Amino acid sequence: MVEIKWTSNALEELDDIANYISKDSPKYAQILIKQIYEMISHLEQFPKFGRQVPEYNNPNLREILYKNYRIIYLIKQNHLEIISIIHGSRLLNL
């Protein structure tokens, strides 16, 4: 089982997503955030679950696509690091 760590940037992006969606529907925002956490929890058992990020030539930089969001993570030697969570329409800038 792999330990999952979050960057402060990824946590901030997730908070921004929740705040934006909650303007229209606090309930849906809560459901979406819960679902994103559930998707990420699968990485503990299956760290290579996501595909390689197409913009970068790094086999350890991966992403899970969930609804309209890209969950970007990096597989490191002793853990996995959630780097970014962005809407799919945005350009990835790591």
PDB file of N, CA and C in Angstrom:
ATOM      1  N   MET A   1       0.844  -1.177   0.000  1.00  0.00           N
ATOM      2  CA  MET A   1       0.000   0.000   0.000  1.00  0.00           C
ATOM      3  C   MET A   1       0.893   1.246   0.000  1.00  0.00           C
ATOM      4  N   VAL A   2       0.565   2.188  -0.830  1.00  0.00           N
ATOM      5  CA  VAL A   2       1.361   3.399  -1.007  1.00  0.00           C
ATOM      6  C   VAL A   2       0.737   4.550  -0.221  1.00  0.00           C
ATOM      7  N   GLU A   3       1.575   5.316   0.444  1.00  0.00           N
ATOM      8  CA  GLU A   3       1.102   6.505   1.155  1.00  0.00           C
ATOM      9  C   GLU A   3       0.828   7.614   0.146  1.00  0.00           C
ATOM     10  N   ILE A   4      -0.261   8.328   0.348  1.00  0.00           N
ATOM     11  CA  ILE A   4      -0.621   9.444  -0.522  1.00  0.00           C
ATOM     12  C   ILE A   4      -0.403  10.747   0.222  1.00  0.00           C
ATOM     13  N   LYS A   5       0.351  11.639  -0.408  1.00  0.00           N
ATOM     14  CA  LYS A   5       0.578  12.974   0.145  1.00  0.00           C
ATOM     15  C   LYS A   5       0.012  13.999  -0.832  1.00  0.00           C
ATOM     16  N   TRP A   6      -0.371  15.132  -0.303  1.00  0.00           N
ATOM     17  CA  TRP A   6      -0.944  16.215  -1.101  1.00  0.00           C
ATOM     18  C   TRP A   6      -0.023  17.435  -1.062  1.00  0.00           C
ATOM     19  N   THR A   7       0.145  18.083  -2.201  1.00  0.00           N
ATOM     20  CA  THR A   7       0.829  19.370  -2.191  1.00  0.00           C
ATOM     21  C   THR A   7      -0.173  20.425  -1.733  1.00  0.00           C
ATOM     22  N   SER A   8       0.339  21.515  -1.215  1.00  0.00           N
ATOM     23  CA  SER A   8      -0.553  22.600  -0.787  1.00  0.00           C
ATOM     24  C   SER A   8      -1.301  23.163  -1.997  1.00  0.00           C
ATOM     25  N   ASN A   9      -0.658  23.160  -3.161  1.00  0.00           N
ATOM     26  CA  ASN A   9      -1.285  23.636  -4.387  1.00  0.00           C
ATOM     27  C   ASN A   9      -2.511  22.788  -4.740  1.00  0.00           C
ATOM     28  N   ALA A  10      -2.386  21.479  -4.662  1.00  0.00           N
ATOM     29  CA  ALA A  10      -3.502  20.589  -4.989  1.00  0.00           C
ATOM     30  C   ALA A  10      -4.663  20.785  -4.010  1.00  0.00           C
ATOM     31  N   LEU A  11      -4.358  20.929  -2.744  1.00  0.00           N
ATOM     32  CA  LEU A  11      -5.405  21.162  -1.750  1.00  0.00           C
ATOM     33  C   LEU A  11      -6.116  22.488  -2.001  1.00  0.00           C
ATOM     34  N   GLU A  12      -5.353  23.487  -2.378  1.00  0.00           N
ATOM     35  CA  GLU A  12      -5.933  24.799  -2.673  1.00  0.00           C
ATOM     36  C   GLU A  12      -6.827  24.723  -3.913  1.00  0.00           C
ATOM     37  N   GLU A  13      -6.379  23.995  -4.938  1.00  0.00           N
ATOM     38  CA  GLU A  13      -7.185  23.849  -6.145  1.00  0.00           C
ATOM     39  C   GLU A  13      -8.496  23.111  -5.844  1.00  0.00           C
ATOM     40  N   LEU A  14      -8.417  22.081  -5.026  1.00  0.00           N
ATOM     41  CA  LEU A  14      -9.620  21.341  -4.659  1.00  0.00           C
ATOM     42  C   LEU A  14     -10.586  22.234  -3.883  1.00  0.00           C
ATOM     43  N   ASP A  15     -10.060  23.053  -3.008  1.00  0.00           N
ATOM     44  CA  ASP A  15     -10.883  24.001  -2.260  1.00  0.00           C
ATOM     45  C   ASP A  15     -11.531  25.016  -3.210  1.00  0.00           C
ATOM     46  N   ASP A  16     -10.778  25.489  -4.191  1.00  0.00           N
ATOM     47  CA  ASP A  16     -11.326  26.432  -5.174  1.00  0.00           C
ATOM     48  C   ASP A  16     -12.466  25.800  -5.979  1.00  0.00           C
ATOM     49  N   ILE A  17     -12.291  24.537  -6.361  1.00  0.00           N
ATOM     50  CA  ILE A  17     -13.336  23.818  -7.094  1.00  0.00           C
ATOM     51  C   ILE A  17     -14.598  23.727  -6.239  1.00  0.00           C
ATOM     52  N   ALA A  18     -14.426  23.344  -4.995  1.00  0.00           N
ATOM     53  CA  ALA A  18     -15.570  23.212  -4.083  1.00  0.00           C
ATOM     54  C   ALA A  18     -16.280  24.551  -3.904  1.00  0.00           C
ATOM     55  N   ASN A  19     -15.517  25.602  -3.717  1.00  0.00           N
ATOM     56  CA  ASN A  19     -16.122  26.933  -3.524  1.00  0.00           C
ATOM     57  C   ASN A  19     -16.880  27.390  -4.764  1.00  0.00           C
ATOM     58  N   TYR A  20     -16.312  27.150  -5.935  1.00  0.00           N
ATOM     59  CA  TYR A  20     -16.954  27.563  -7.180  1.00  0.00           C
ATOM     60  C   TYR A  20     -18.277  26.820  -7.380  1.00  0.00           C
ATOM     61  N   ILE A  21     -18.256  25.509  -7.206  1.00  0.00           N
ATOM     62  CA  ILE A  21     -19.461  24.709  -7.418  1.00  0.00           C
ATOM     63  C   ILE A  21     -20.505  25.005  -6.345  1.00  0.00           C
ATOM     64  N   SER A  22     -20.063  25.259  -5.136  1.00  0.00           N
ATOM     65  CA  SER A  22     -21.023  25.489  -4.037  1.00  0.00           C
ATOM     66  C   SER A  22     -21.812  26.785  -4.210  1.00  0.00           C
ATOM     67  N   LYS A  23     -21.362  27.665  -5.084  1.00  0.00           N
ATOM     68  CA  LYS A  23     -22.142  28.877  -5.354  1.00  0.00           C
ATOM     69  C   LYS A  23     -23.498  28.515  -5.950  1.00  0.00           C
ATOM     70  N   ASP A  24     -23.527  27.455  -6.766  1.00  0.00           N
ATOM     71  CA  ASP A  24     -24.777  26.996  -7.363  1.00  0.00           C
ATOM     72  C   ASP A  24     -25.417  25.857  -6.567  1.00  0.00           C
ATOM     73  N   SER A  25     -24.560  24.984  -6.027  1.00  0.00           N
ATOM     74  CA  SER A  25     -25.096  23.809  -5.336  1.00  0.00           C
ATOM     75  C   SER A  25     -24.113  23.296  -4.289  1.00  0.00           C
ATOM     76  N   PRO A  26     -24.284  23.714  -3.043  1.00  0.00           N
ATOM     77  CA  PRO A  26     -23.393  23.217  -1.984  1.00  0.00           C
ATOM     78  C   PRO A  26     -23.422  21.692  -1.869  1.00  0.00           C
ATOM     79  N   LYS A  27     -24.594  21.113  -2.080  1.00  0.00           N
ATOM     80  CA  LYS A  27     -24.713  19.656  -1.989  1.00  0.00           C
ATOM     81  C   LYS A  27     -23.888  18.979  -3.073  1.00  0.00           C
ATOM     82  N   TYR A  28     -23.982  19.448  -4.324  1.00  0.00           N
ATOM     83  CA  TYR A  28     -23.228  18.846  -5.414  1.00  0.00           C
ATOM     84  C   TYR A  28     -21.725  19.040  -5.203  1.00  0.00           C
ATOM     85  N   ALA A  29     -21.331  20.189  -4.683  1.00  0.00           N
ATOM     86  CA  ALA A  29     -19.913  20.433  -4.402  1.00  0.00           C
ATOM     87  C   ALA A  29     -19.390  19.402  -3.412  1.00  0.00           C
ATOM     88  N   GLN A  30     -20.158  19.155  -2.370  1.00  0.00           N
ATOM     89  CA  GLN A  30     -19.761  18.173  -1.351  1.00  0.00           C
ATOM     90  C   GLN A  30     -19.667  16.767  -1.957  1.00  0.00           C
ATOM     91  N   ILE A  31     -20.623  16.411  -2.799  1.00  0.00           N
ATOM     92  CA  ILE A  31     -20.617  15.090  -3.442  1.00  0.00           C
ATOM     93  C   ILE A  31     -19.409  14.948  -4.353  1.00  0.00           C
ATOM     94  N   LEU A  32     -19.133  15.963  -5.166  1.00  0.00           N
ATOM     95  CA  LEU A  32     -18.005  15.899  -6.092  1.00  0.00           C
ATOM     96  C   LEU A  32     -16.682  15.751  -5.353  1.00  0.00           C
ATOM     97  N   ILE A  33     -16.476  16.525  -4.309  1.00  0.00           N
ATOM     98  CA  ILE A  33     -15.220  16.456  -3.546  1.00  0.00           C
ATOM     99  C   ILE A  33     -15.071  15.068  -2.921  1.00  0.00           C
ATOM    100  N   LYS A  34     -16.146  14.539  -2.394  1.00  0.00           N
ATOM    101  CA  LYS A  34     -16.107  13.193  -1.820  1.00  0.00           C
ATOM    102  C   LYS A  34     -15.724  12.167  -2.893  1.00  0.00           C
ATOM    103  N   GLN A  35     -16.285  12.292  -4.085  1.00  0.00           N
ATOM    104  CA  GLN A  35     -15.978  11.365  -5.166  1.00  0.00           C
ATOM    105  C   GLN A  35     -14.527  11.481  -5.617  1.00  0.00           C
ATOM    106  N   ILE A  36     -13.996  12.684  -5.631  1.00  0.00           N
ATOM    107  CA  ILE A  36     -12.582  12.870  -6.001  1.00  0.00           C
ATOM    108  C   ILE A  36     -11.683  12.189  -4.970  1.00  0.00           C
ATOM    109  N   TYR A  37     -11.992  12.361  -3.695  1.00  0.00           N
ATOM    110  CA  TYR A  37     -11.217  11.677  -2.650  1.00  0.00           C
ATOM    111  C   TYR A  37     -11.304  10.157  -2.795  1.00  0.00           C
ATOM    112  N   GLU A  38     -12.466   9.653  -3.164  1.00  0.00           N
ATOM    113  CA  GLU A  38     -12.622   8.212  -3.369  1.00  0.00           C
ATOM    114  C   GLU A  38     -11.767   7.727  -4.534  1.00  0.00           C
ATOM    115  N   MET A  39     -11.753   8.480  -5.625  1.00  0.00           N
ATOM    116  CA  MET A  39     -10.915   8.114  -6.778  1.00  0.00           C
ATOM    117  C   MET A  39      -9.446   8.072  -6.371  1.00  0.00           C
ATOM    118  N   ILE A  40      -9.023   9.051  -5.617  1.00  0.00           N
ATOM    119  CA  ILE A  40      -7.626   9.123  -5.189  1.00  0.00           C
ATOM    120  C   ILE A  40      -7.291   7.986  -4.240  1.00  0.00           C
ATOM    121  N   SER A  41      -8.240   7.577  -3.418  1.00  0.00           N
ATOM    122  CA  SER A  41      -7.969   6.491  -2.473  1.00  0.00           C
ATOM    123  C   SER A  41      -7.628   5.173  -3.180  1.00  0.00           C
ATOM    124  N   HIS A  42      -8.107   4.985  -4.403  1.00  0.00           N
ATOM    125  CA  HIS A  42      -7.767   3.770  -5.167  1.00  0.00           C
ATOM    126  C   HIS A  42      -6.273   3.705  -5.476  1.00  0.00           C
ATOM    127  N   LEU A  43      -5.632   4.847  -5.487  1.00  0.00           N
ATOM    128  CA  LEU A  43      -4.204   4.884  -5.814  1.00  0.00           C
ATOM    129  C   LEU A  43      -3.342   4.236  -4.732  1.00  0.00           C
ATOM    130  N   GLU A  44      -3.853   4.130  -3.518  1.00  0.00           N
ATOM    131  CA  GLU A  44      -3.097   3.463  -2.452  1.00  0.00           C
ATOM    132  C   GLU A  44      -2.773   2.027  -2.848  1.00  0.00           C
ATOM    133  N   GLN A  45      -3.717   1.362  -3.466  1.00  0.00           N
ATOM    134  CA  GLN A  45      -3.527  -0.031  -3.875  1.00  0.00           C
ATOM    135  C   GLN A  45      -2.982  -0.144  -5.302  1.00  0.00           C
ATOM    136  N   PHE A  46      -3.349   0.819  -6.145  1.00  0.00           N
ATOM    137  CA  PHE A  46      -2.980   0.754  -7.564  1.00  0.00           C
ATOM    138  C   PHE A  46      -2.360   2.078  -8.013  1.00  0.00           C
ATOM    139  N   PRO A  47      -1.104   2.347  -7.632  1.00  0.00           N
ATOM    140  CA  PRO A  47      -0.504   3.647  -7.941  1.00  0.00           C
ATOM    141  C   PRO A  47      -0.345   3.944  -9.434  1.00  0.00           C
ATOM    142  N   LYS A  48      -0.313   2.931 -10.260  1.00  0.00           N
ATOM    143  CA  LYS A  48      -0.185   3.159 -11.708  1.00  0.00           C
ATOM    144  C   LYS A  48      -1.532   3.088 -12.415  1.00  0.00           C
ATOM    145  N   PHE A  49      -2.599   3.258 -11.652  1.00  0.00           N
ATOM    146  CA  PHE A  49      -3.957   3.223 -12.169  1.00  0.00           C
ATOM    147  C   PHE A  49      -4.169   4.275 -13.263  1.00  0.00           C
ATOM    148  N   GLY A  50      -3.641   5.452 -13.049  1.00  0.00           N
ATOM    149  CA  GLY A  50      -3.831   6.552 -14.000  1.00  0.00           C
ATOM    150  C   GLY A  50      -2.921   6.429 -15.211  1.00  0.00           C
ATOM    151  N   ARG A  51      -3.279   7.163 -16.241  1.00  0.00           N
ATOM    152  CA  ARG A  51      -2.456   7.178 -17.455  1.00  0.00           C
ATOM    153  C   ARG A  51      -1.323   8.188 -17.306  1.00  0.00           C
ATOM    154  N   GLN A  52      -0.307   8.053 -18.147  1.00  0.00           N
ATOM    155  CA  GLN A  52       0.772   9.034 -18.155  1.00  0.00           C
ATOM    156  C   GLN A  52       0.212  10.354 -18.667  1.00  0.00           C
ATOM    157  N   VAL A  53       0.697  11.442 -18.093  1.00  0.00           N
ATOM    158  CA  VAL A  53       0.253  12.770 -18.526  1.00  0.00           C
ATOM    159  C   VAL A  53       0.814  13.023 -19.920  1.00  0.00           C
ATOM    160  N   PRO A  54      -0.063  13.225 -20.921  1.00  0.00           N
ATOM    161  CA  PRO A  54       0.416  13.333 -22.300  1.00  0.00           C
ATOM    162  C   PRO A  54       1.335  14.525 -22.574  1.00  0.00           C
ATOM    163  N   GLU A  55       1.205  15.603 -21.809  1.00  0.00           N
ATOM    164  CA  GLU A  55       2.028  16.793 -22.061  1.00  0.00           C
ATOM    165  C   GLU A  55       3.474  16.630 -21.616  1.00  0.00           C
ATOM    166  N   TYR A  56       3.748  15.612 -20.807  1.00  0.00           N
ATOM    167  CA  TYR A  56       5.085  15.434 -20.245  1.00  0.00           C
ATOM    168  C   TYR A  56       5.586  14.023 -20.524  1.00  0.00           C
ATOM    169  N   ASN A  57       6.859  13.897 -20.724  1.00  0.00           N
ATOM    170  CA  ASN A  57       7.475  12.600 -21.003  1.00  0.00           C
ATOM    171  C   ASN A  57       8.072  12.044 -19.708  1.00  0.00           C
ATOM    172  N   ASN A  58       7.201  11.743 -18.764  1.00  0.00           N
ATOM    173  CA  ASN A  58       7.651  11.226 -17.477  1.00  0.00           C
ATOM    174  C   ASN A  58       6.709  10.092 -17.077  1.00  0.00           C
ATOM    175  N   PRO A  59       7.195   8.853 -17.078  1.00  0.00           N
ATOM    176  CA  PRO A  59       6.318   7.723 -16.763  1.00  0.00           C
ATOM    177  C   PRO A  59       5.788   7.740 -15.332  1.00  0.00           C
ATOM    178  N   ASN A  60       6.386   8.523 -14.445  1.00  0.00           N
ATOM    179  CA  ASN A  60       5.923   8.611 -13.064  1.00  0.00           C
ATOM    180  C   ASN A  60       4.912   9.733 -12.838  1.00  0.00           C
ATOM    181  N   LEU A  61       4.739  10.580 -13.828  1.00  0.00           N
ATOM    182  CA  LEU A  61       3.750  11.659 -13.749  1.00  0.00           C
ATOM    183  C   LEU A  61       2.475  11.147 -14.410  1.00  0.00           C
ATOM    184  N   ARG A  62       1.439  10.973 -13.615  1.00  0.00           N
ATOM    185  CA  ARG A  62       0.224  10.326 -14.093  1.00  0.00           C
ATOM    186  C   ARG A  62      -1.003  11.149 -13.753  1.00  0.00           C
ATOM    187  N   GLU A  63      -2.116  10.750 -14.363  1.00  0.00           N
ATOM    188  CA  GLU A  63      -3.360  11.457 -14.101  1.00  0.00           C
ATOM    189  C   GLU A  63      -4.536  10.495 -14.137  1.00  0.00           C
ATOM    190  N   ILE A  64      -5.527  10.846 -13.332  1.00  0.00           N
ATOM    191  CA  ILE A  64      -6.823  10.180 -13.372  1.00  0.00           C
ATOM    192  C   ILE A  64      -7.792  11.218 -13.922  1.00  0.00           C
ATOM    193  N   LEU A  65      -8.582  10.824 -14.874  1.00  0.00           N
ATOM    194  CA  LEU A  65      -9.620  11.705 -15.396  1.00  0.00           C
ATOM    195  C   LEU A  65     -10.915  11.353 -14.689  1.00  0.00           C
ATOM    196  N   TYR A  66     -11.511  12.349 -14.053  1.00  0.00           N
ATOM    197  CA  TYR A  66     -12.775  12.121 -13.360  1.00  0.00           C
ATOM    198  C   TYR A  66     -13.735  13.255 -13.682  1.00  0.00           C
ATOM    199  N   LYS A  67     -14.830  12.908 -14.325  1.00  0.00           N
ATOM    200  CA  LYS A  67     -15.803  13.883 -14.816  1.00  0.00           C
ATOM    201  C   LYS A  67     -15.044  14.898 -15.668  1.00  0.00           C
ATOM    202  N   ASN A  68     -15.065  16.172 -15.313  1.00  0.00           N
ATOM    203  CA  ASN A  68     -14.364  17.192 -16.108  1.00  0.00           C
ATOM    204  C   ASN A  68     -13.002  17.564 -15.524  1.00  0.00           C
ATOM    205  N   TYR A  69     -12.497  16.763 -14.617  1.00  0.00           N
ATOM    206  CA  TYR A  69     -11.290  17.135 -13.883  1.00  0.00           C
ATOM    207  C   TYR A  69     -10.134  16.178 -14.140  1.00  0.00           C
ATOM    208  N   ARG A  70      -8.945  16.733 -14.071  1.00  0.00           N
ATOM    209  CA  ARG A  70      -7.707  15.969 -14.184  1.00  0.00           C
ATOM    210  C   ARG A  70      -7.039  15.976 -12.811  1.00  0.00           C
ATOM    211  N   ILE A  71      -6.830  14.793 -12.271  1.00  0.00           N
ATOM    212  CA  ILE A  71      -6.150  14.641 -10.988  1.00  0.00           C
ATOM    213  C   ILE A  71      -4.723  14.206 -11.318  1.00  0.00           C
ATOM    214  N   ILE A  72      -3.787  15.118 -11.153  1.00  0.00           N
ATOM    215  CA  ILE A  72      -2.395  14.883 -11.547  1.00  0.00           C
ATOM    216  C   ILE A  72      -1.602  14.442 -10.323  1.00  0.00           C
ATOM    217  N   TYR A  73      -0.835  13.358 -10.477  1.00  0.00           N
ATOM    218  CA  TYR A  73      -0.029  12.882  -9.353  1.00  0.00           C
ATOM    219  C   TYR A  73       1.319  12.366  -9.838  1.00  0.00           C
ATOM    220  N   LEU A  74       2.252  12.319  -8.912  1.00  0.00           N
ATOM    221  CA  LEU A  74       3.619  11.886  -9.196  1.00  0.00           C
ATOM    222  C   LEU A  74       3.945  10.693  -8.308  1.00  0.00           C
ATOM    223  N   ILE A  75       4.410   9.631  -8.935  1.00  0.00           N
ATOM    224  CA  ILE A  75       4.822   8.451  -8.181  1.00  0.00           C
ATOM    225  C   ILE A  75       6.276   8.667  -7.771  1.00  0.00           C
ATOM    226  N   LYS A  76       6.506   8.683  -6.462  1.00  0.00           N
ATOM    227  CA  LYS A  76       7.855   8.843  -5.931  1.00  0.00           C
ATOM    228  C   LYS A  76       8.293   7.523  -5.311  1.00  0.00           C
ATOM    229  N   GLN A  77       9.524   7.471  -4.832  1.00  0.00           N
ATOM    230  CA  GLN A  77      10.077   6.216  -4.336  1.00  0.00           C
ATOM    231  C   GLN A  77       9.286   5.646  -3.158  1.00  0.00           C
ATOM    232  N   ASN A  78       8.935   6.485  -2.193  1.00  0.00           N
ATOM    233  CA  ASN A  78       8.291   5.984  -0.982  1.00  0.00           C
ATOM    234  C   ASN A  78       6.840   6.420  -0.815  1.00  0.00           C
ATOM    235  N   HIS A  79       6.326   7.199  -1.747  1.00  0.00           N
ATOM    236  CA  HIS A  79       4.952   7.669  -1.646  1.00  0.00           C
ATOM    237  C   HIS A  79       4.464   8.161  -2.992  1.00  0.00           C
ATOM    238  N   LEU A  80       3.245   8.594  -2.995  1.00  0.00           N
ATOM    239  CA  LEU A  80       2.625   9.160  -4.180  1.00  0.00           C
ATOM    240  C   LEU A  80       2.184  10.577  -3.805  1.00  0.00           C
ATOM    241  N   GLU A  81       2.357  11.535  -4.701  1.00  0.00           N
ATOM    242  CA  GLU A  81       2.069  12.929  -4.369  1.00  0.00           C
ATOM    243  C   GLU A  81       1.027  13.500  -5.325  1.00  0.00           C
ATOM    244  N   ILE A  82      -0.087  13.960  -4.780  1.00  0.00           N
ATOM    245  CA  ILE A  82      -1.107  14.632  -5.585  1.00  0.00           C
ATOM    246  C   ILE A  82      -0.591  16.046  -5.846  1.00  0.00           C
ATOM    247  N   ILE A  83      -0.393  16.371  -7.113  1.00  0.00           N
ATOM    248  CA  ILE A  83       0.218  17.644  -7.497  1.00  0.00           C
ATOM    249  C   ILE A  83      -0.808  18.702  -7.867  1.00  0.00           C
ATOM    250  N   SER A  84      -1.840  18.282  -8.605  1.00  0.00           N
ATOM    251  CA  SER A  84      -2.775  19.273  -9.125  1.00  0.00           C
ATOM    252  C   SER A  84      -4.127  18.621  -9.423  1.00  0.00           C
ATOM    253  N   ILE A  85      -5.175  19.397  -9.276  1.00  0.00           N
ATOM    254  CA  ILE A  85      -6.507  18.988  -9.687  1.00  0.00           C
ATOM    255  C   ILE A  85      -7.083  20.169 -10.457  1.00  0.00           C
ATOM    256  N   ILE A  86      -7.224  19.975 -11.762  1.00  0.00           N
ATOM    257  CA  ILE A  86      -7.666  21.094 -12.598  1.00  0.00           C
ATOM    258  C   ILE A  86      -8.823  20.659 -13.500  1.00  0.00           C
ATOM    259  N   HIS A  87      -9.573  21.631 -13.928  1.00  0.00           N
ATOM    260  CA  HIS A  87     -10.633  21.371 -14.899  1.00  0.00           C
ATOM    261  C   HIS A  87      -9.971  21.002 -16.227  1.00  0.00           C
ATOM    262  N   GLY A  88     -10.559  20.078 -16.933  1.00  0.00           N
ATOM    263  CA  GLY A  88      -9.990  19.592 -18.188  1.00  0.00           C
ATOM    264  C   GLY A  88      -9.842  20.648 -19.273  1.00  0.00           C
ATOM    265  N   SER A  89     -10.584  21.741 -19.181  1.00  0.00           N
ATOM    266  CA  SER A  89     -10.484  22.800 -20.185  1.00  0.00           C
ATOM    267  C   SER A  89      -9.282  23.721 -19.953  1.00  0.00           C
ATOM    268  N   ARG A  90      -8.679  23.633 -18.778  1.00  0.00           N
ATOM    269  CA  ARG A  90      -7.525  24.490 -18.471  1.00  0.00           C
ATOM    270  C   ARG A  90      -6.230  23.853 -18.973  1.00  0.00           C
ATOM    271  N   LEU A  91      -5.268  24.694 -19.292  1.00  0.00           N
ATOM    272  CA  LEU A  91      -3.956  24.221 -19.685  1.00  0.00           C
ATOM    273  C   LEU A  91      -3.187  23.761 -18.443  1.00  0.00           C
ATOM    274  N   LEU A  92      -2.485  22.663 -18.581  1.00  0.00           N
ATOM    275  CA  LEU A  92      -1.694  22.139 -17.471  1.00  0.00           C
ATOM    276  C   LEU A  92      -0.367  22.875 -17.422  1.00  0.00           C
ATOM    277  N   ASN A  93      -0.061  23.429 -16.272  1.00  0.00           N
ATOM    278  CA  ASN A  93       1.183  24.176 -16.084  1.00  0.00           C
ATOM    279  C   ASN A  93       1.806  23.743 -14.752  1.00  0.00           C
ATOM    280  N   LEU A  94       2.703  22.761 -14.843  1.00  0.00           N
ATOM    281  CA  LEU A  94       3.335  22.241 -13.621  1.00  0.00           C
ATOM    282  C   LEU A  94       4.694  22.864 -13.403  1.00  0.00           C
TER     283      LEU A  94
END
